[in-house]
Amino acid sequence: MMETVVKNLAILFYFIMACCFFVQWLGFFIDDKEMNSVQRYLSMVILAVATILWPLIVPLAYLELLKFHKKHKQVIDLLISLSDAKLCDE
């Protein structure tokens, strides 16, 4: 009984997260006005695959984000310090 409940909760969590990611990523694709029809079609295929495989895609995307931040850390820190300085001046 308990095993079934846990399994059903895991499946429910998977589908809720998949829906959340799908809606978010669909918004990104819709906002991109520079795509032609072929690129839009391929983007929808990628969106479908990424939605199904989100437990793999999200950690990989996060690792890419960390790598980007590490590579551009000095520029990011400079922009943050400029932003903080501008807020202090106001």
N, C-alpha and C. Protein backbone atom coordinates (compact mmCIF):
# COMPACT_ATOMS: atom_id res chain seq x y z
N MET A 1 0.82 -1.20 0.00
CA MET A 1 0.00 0.00 0.00
C MET A 1 0.86 1.26 0.00
N MET A 2 1.81 1.33 0.93
CA MET A 2 2.68 2.50 1.03
C MET A 2 3.55 2.65 -0.22
N GLU A 3 3.99 1.53 -0.76
CA GLU A 3 4.81 1.55 -1.96
C GLU A 3 4.04 2.14 -3.14
N THR A 4 2.78 1.81 -3.25
CA THR A 4 1.93 2.33 -4.32
C THR A 4 1.74 3.84 -4.16
N VAL A 5 1.54 4.29 -2.94
CA VAL A 5 1.36 5.72 -2.68
C VAL A 5 2.62 6.49 -3.06
N VAL A 6 3.77 5.98 -2.68
CA VAL A 6 5.03 6.65 -2.99
C VAL A 6 5.24 6.68 -4.50
N LYS A 7 4.95 5.58 -5.17
CA LYS A 7 5.11 5.53 -6.62
C LYS A 7 4.18 6.52 -7.30
N ASN A 8 2.93 6.59 -6.85
CA ASN A 8 1.97 7.53 -7.43
C ASN A 8 2.38 8.98 -7.18
N LEU A 9 2.91 9.27 -6.01
CA LEU A 9 3.40 10.63 -5.72
C LEU A 9 4.59 10.98 -6.60
N ALA A 10 5.47 10.03 -6.84
CA ALA A 10 6.62 10.28 -7.71
C ALA A 10 6.16 10.56 -9.14
N ILE A 11 5.20 9.80 -9.61
CA ILE A 11 4.68 10.01 -10.96
C ILE A 11 3.97 11.36 -11.05
N LEU A 12 3.20 11.70 -10.04
CA LEU A 12 2.52 12.99 -10.00
C LEU A 12 3.53 14.14 -10.01
N PHE A 13 4.58 14.02 -9.20
CA PHE A 13 5.62 15.03 -9.16
C PHE A 13 6.28 15.18 -10.53
N TYR A 14 6.58 14.07 -11.19
CA TYR A 14 7.21 14.08 -12.52
C TYR A 14 6.32 14.86 -13.49
N PHE A 15 5.03 14.57 -13.53
CA PHE A 15 4.14 15.22 -14.48
C PHE A 15 3.91 16.69 -14.15
N ILE A 16 3.84 17.03 -12.87
CA ILE A 16 3.69 18.44 -12.50
C ILE A 16 4.92 19.24 -12.92
N MET A 17 6.09 18.70 -12.65
CA MET A 17 7.33 19.39 -13.05
C MET A 17 7.44 19.47 -14.56
N ALA A 18 7.07 18.40 -15.27
CA ALA A 18 7.11 18.41 -16.73
C ALA A 18 6.20 19.50 -17.28
N CYS A 19 5.02 19.65 -16.70
CA CYS A 19 4.10 20.71 -17.14
C CYS A 19 4.69 22.09 -16.87
N CYS A 20 5.28 22.26 -15.70
CA CYS A 20 5.89 23.56 -15.36
C CYS A 20 7.02 23.91 -16.32
N PHE A 21 7.90 22.95 -16.60
CA PHE A 21 8.99 23.19 -17.53
C PHE A 21 8.46 23.44 -18.94
N PHE A 22 7.46 22.68 -19.36
CA PHE A 22 6.90 22.87 -20.69
C PHE A 22 6.34 24.28 -20.86
N VAL A 23 5.57 24.75 -19.89
CA VAL A 23 4.99 26.08 -19.98
C VAL A 23 6.08 27.15 -20.01
N GLN A 24 7.09 27.01 -19.16
CA GLN A 24 8.17 27.99 -19.12
C GLN A 24 8.95 28.02 -20.42
N TRP A 25 9.35 26.85 -20.91
CA TRP A 25 10.13 26.78 -22.15
C TRP A 25 9.30 27.19 -23.36
N LEU A 26 8.01 26.88 -23.36
CA LEU A 26 7.14 27.30 -24.46
C LEU A 26 7.08 28.83 -24.51
N GLY A 27 7.04 29.46 -23.35
CA GLY A 27 7.06 30.92 -23.31
C GLY A 27 8.33 31.49 -23.93
N PHE A 28 9.48 30.85 -23.68
CA PHE A 28 10.72 31.31 -24.29
C PHE A 28 10.66 31.19 -25.81
N PHE A 29 10.13 30.08 -26.30
CA PHE A 29 10.05 29.87 -27.74
C PHE A 29 9.06 30.83 -28.40
N ILE A 30 7.95 31.10 -27.75
CA ILE A 30 6.96 32.01 -28.31
C ILE A 30 7.50 33.44 -28.35
N ASP A 31 8.27 33.82 -27.34
CA ASP A 31 8.82 35.18 -27.29
C ASP A 31 9.90 35.43 -28.33
N ASP A 32 10.50 34.38 -28.87
CA ASP A 32 11.57 34.54 -29.86
C ASP A 32 10.94 34.81 -31.22
N LYS A 33 10.97 36.05 -31.64
CA LYS A 33 10.34 36.46 -32.90
C LYS A 33 11.27 36.28 -34.11
N GLU A 34 12.53 35.94 -33.88
CA GLU A 34 13.49 35.82 -34.98
C GLU A 34 13.51 34.44 -35.63
N MET A 35 12.76 33.49 -35.09
CA MET A 35 12.75 32.13 -35.64
C MET A 35 11.87 32.06 -36.88
N ASN A 36 12.37 31.32 -37.89
CA ASN A 36 11.52 31.05 -39.05
C ASN A 36 10.71 29.78 -38.77
N SER A 37 9.89 29.35 -39.73
CA SER A 37 8.98 28.23 -39.48
C SER A 37 9.72 26.91 -39.26
N VAL A 38 10.84 26.70 -39.96
CA VAL A 38 11.61 25.47 -39.78
C VAL A 38 12.23 25.45 -38.38
N GLN A 39 12.82 26.55 -37.99
CA GLN A 39 13.42 26.64 -36.66
C GLN A 39 12.35 26.48 -35.57
N ARG A 40 11.18 27.04 -35.80
CA ARG A 40 10.09 26.93 -34.82
C ARG A 40 9.64 25.48 -34.70
N TYR A 41 9.55 24.76 -35.82
CA TYR A 41 9.17 23.35 -35.79
C TYR A 41 10.20 22.53 -35.02
N LEU A 42 11.50 22.75 -35.33
CA LEU A 42 12.56 22.01 -34.63
C LEU A 42 12.56 22.36 -33.15
N SER A 43 12.27 23.59 -32.83
CA SER A 43 12.21 24.00 -31.42
C SER A 43 11.10 23.27 -30.69
N MET A 44 9.98 23.08 -31.36
CA MET A 44 8.87 22.36 -30.73
C MET A 44 9.23 20.88 -30.51
N VAL A 45 9.96 20.30 -31.45
CA VAL A 45 10.41 18.92 -31.27
C VAL A 45 11.37 18.84 -30.08
N ILE A 46 12.29 19.77 -30.01
CA ILE A 46 13.23 19.81 -28.89
C ILE A 46 12.48 20.04 -27.58
N LEU A 47 11.48 20.90 -27.62
CA LEU A 47 10.68 21.16 -26.42
C LEU A 47 9.99 19.89 -25.94
N ALA A 48 9.45 19.12 -26.86
CA ALA A 48 8.78 17.87 -26.48
C ALA A 48 9.76 16.89 -25.86
N VAL A 49 10.93 16.74 -26.47
CA VAL A 49 11.94 15.82 -25.94
C VAL A 49 12.45 16.29 -24.59
N ALA A 50 12.72 17.59 -24.48
CA ALA A 50 13.22 18.13 -23.21
C ALA A 50 12.20 18.01 -22.10
N THR A 51 10.92 18.15 -22.43
CA THR A 51 9.88 18.00 -21.42
C THR A 51 9.82 16.57 -20.90
N ILE A 52 9.97 15.62 -21.80
CA ILE A 52 9.94 14.22 -21.39
C ILE A 52 11.18 13.86 -20.57
N LEU A 53 12.32 14.40 -20.96
CA LEU A 53 13.59 14.06 -20.31
C LEU A 53 14.07 15.11 -19.32
N TRP A 54 13.14 15.89 -18.73
CA TRP A 54 13.57 16.98 -17.86
C TRP A 54 14.45 16.55 -16.69
N PRO A 55 14.31 15.34 -16.13
CA PRO A 55 15.22 14.99 -15.02
C PRO A 55 16.69 14.93 -15.46
N LEU A 56 16.94 14.77 -16.74
CA LEU A 56 18.31 14.80 -17.25
C LEU A 56 18.69 16.19 -17.75
N ILE A 57 17.75 16.88 -18.39
CA ILE A 57 18.02 18.17 -19.02
C ILE A 57 18.31 19.25 -17.98
N VAL A 58 17.53 19.31 -16.93
CA VAL A 58 17.68 20.39 -15.94
C VAL A 58 19.05 20.37 -15.26
N PRO A 59 19.54 19.23 -14.77
CA PRO A 59 20.89 19.25 -14.18
C PRO A 59 21.98 19.61 -15.18
N LEU A 60 21.84 19.15 -16.43
CA LEU A 60 22.84 19.50 -17.44
C LEU A 60 22.81 20.99 -17.74
N ALA A 61 21.63 21.57 -17.82
CA ALA A 61 21.52 23.01 -18.04
C ALA A 61 22.11 23.79 -16.87
N TYR A 62 21.90 23.30 -15.66
CA TYR A 62 22.46 23.97 -14.49
C TYR A 62 23.99 23.91 -14.51
N LEU A 63 24.54 22.78 -14.92
CA LEU A 63 26.00 22.67 -15.04
C LEU A 63 26.54 23.64 -16.07
N GLU A 64 25.82 23.81 -17.18
CA GLU A 64 26.23 24.79 -18.19
C GLU A 64 26.19 26.21 -17.62
N LEU A 65 25.17 26.49 -16.83
CA LEU A 65 25.06 27.81 -16.21
C LEU A 65 26.22 28.06 -15.24
N LEU A 66 26.57 27.05 -14.46
CA LEU A 66 27.72 27.19 -13.54
C LEU A 66 29.03 27.40 -14.31
N LYS A 67 29.18 26.67 -15.41
CA LYS A 67 30.39 26.82 -16.22
C LYS A 67 30.47 28.23 -16.81
N PHE A 68 29.34 28.75 -17.28
CA PHE A 68 29.30 30.11 -17.83
C PHE A 68 29.65 31.12 -16.75
N HIS A 69 29.08 30.94 -15.56
CA HIS A 69 29.35 31.88 -14.46
C HIS A 69 30.82 31.84 -14.07
N LYS A 70 31.40 30.66 -14.03
CA LYS A 70 32.81 30.54 -13.66
C LYS A 70 33.69 31.21 -14.71
N LYS A 71 33.35 31.04 -15.98
CA LYS A 71 34.15 31.61 -17.08
C LYS A 71 34.07 33.13 -17.08
N HIS A 72 32.92 33.69 -16.76
CA HIS A 72 32.72 35.14 -16.83
C HIS A 72 32.55 35.77 -15.45
N LYS A 73 33.15 35.17 -14.45
CA LYS A 73 32.97 35.63 -13.07
C LYS A 73 33.40 37.08 -12.87
N GLN A 74 34.51 37.48 -13.47
CA GLN A 74 35.00 38.85 -13.28
C GLN A 74 34.02 39.87 -13.84
N VAL A 75 33.48 39.61 -15.02
CA VAL A 75 32.54 40.54 -15.64
C VAL A 75 31.25 40.59 -14.83
N ILE A 76 30.77 39.44 -14.38
CA ILE A 76 29.54 39.39 -13.58
C ILE A 76 29.74 40.15 -12.27
N ASP A 77 30.86 39.95 -11.61
CA ASP A 77 31.14 40.66 -10.36
C ASP A 77 31.23 42.17 -10.59
N LEU A 78 31.84 42.57 -11.72
CA LEU A 78 31.94 43.99 -12.05
C LEU A 78 30.56 44.59 -12.25
N LEU A 79 29.71 43.90 -12.99
CA LEU A 79 28.35 44.39 -13.21
C LEU A 79 27.56 44.48 -11.92
N ILE A 80 27.73 43.51 -11.05
CA ILE A 80 27.04 43.54 -9.76
C ILE A 80 27.53 44.71 -8.91
N SER A 81 28.84 44.93 -8.88
CA SER A 81 29.38 46.03 -8.08
C SER A 81 28.94 47.39 -8.66
N LEU A 82 28.88 47.50 -9.99
CA LEU A 82 28.39 48.75 -10.59
C LEU A 82 26.92 48.97 -10.26
N SER A 83 26.16 47.92 -10.28
CA SER A 83 24.75 48.01 -9.95
C SER A 83 24.56 48.41 -8.47
N ASP A 84 25.36 47.81 -7.59
CA ASP A 84 25.28 48.15 -6.17
C ASP A 84 25.69 49.60 -5.93
N ALA A 85 26.72 50.05 -6.63
CA ALA A 85 27.19 51.42 -6.47
C ALA A 85 26.12 52.40 -6.96
N LYS A 86 25.46 52.04 -8.05
CA LYS A 86 24.41 52.91 -8.59
C LYS A 86 23.22 52.98 -7.61
N LEU A 87 22.90 51.87 -6.97
CA LEU A 87 21.81 51.87 -6.00
C LEU A 87 22.15 52.70 -4.77
N CYS A 88 23.42 52.69 -4.37
CA CYS A 88 23.85 53.47 -3.20
C CYS A 88 23.82 54.96 -3.49
N ASP A 89 24.07 55.34 -4.75
CA ASP A 89 24.08 56.75 -5.12
C ASP A 89 22.69 57.35 -5.12
N GLU A 90 21.69 56.51 -5.33
CA GLU A 90 20.32 57.03 -5.41
C GLU A 90 19.72 57.24 -4.09
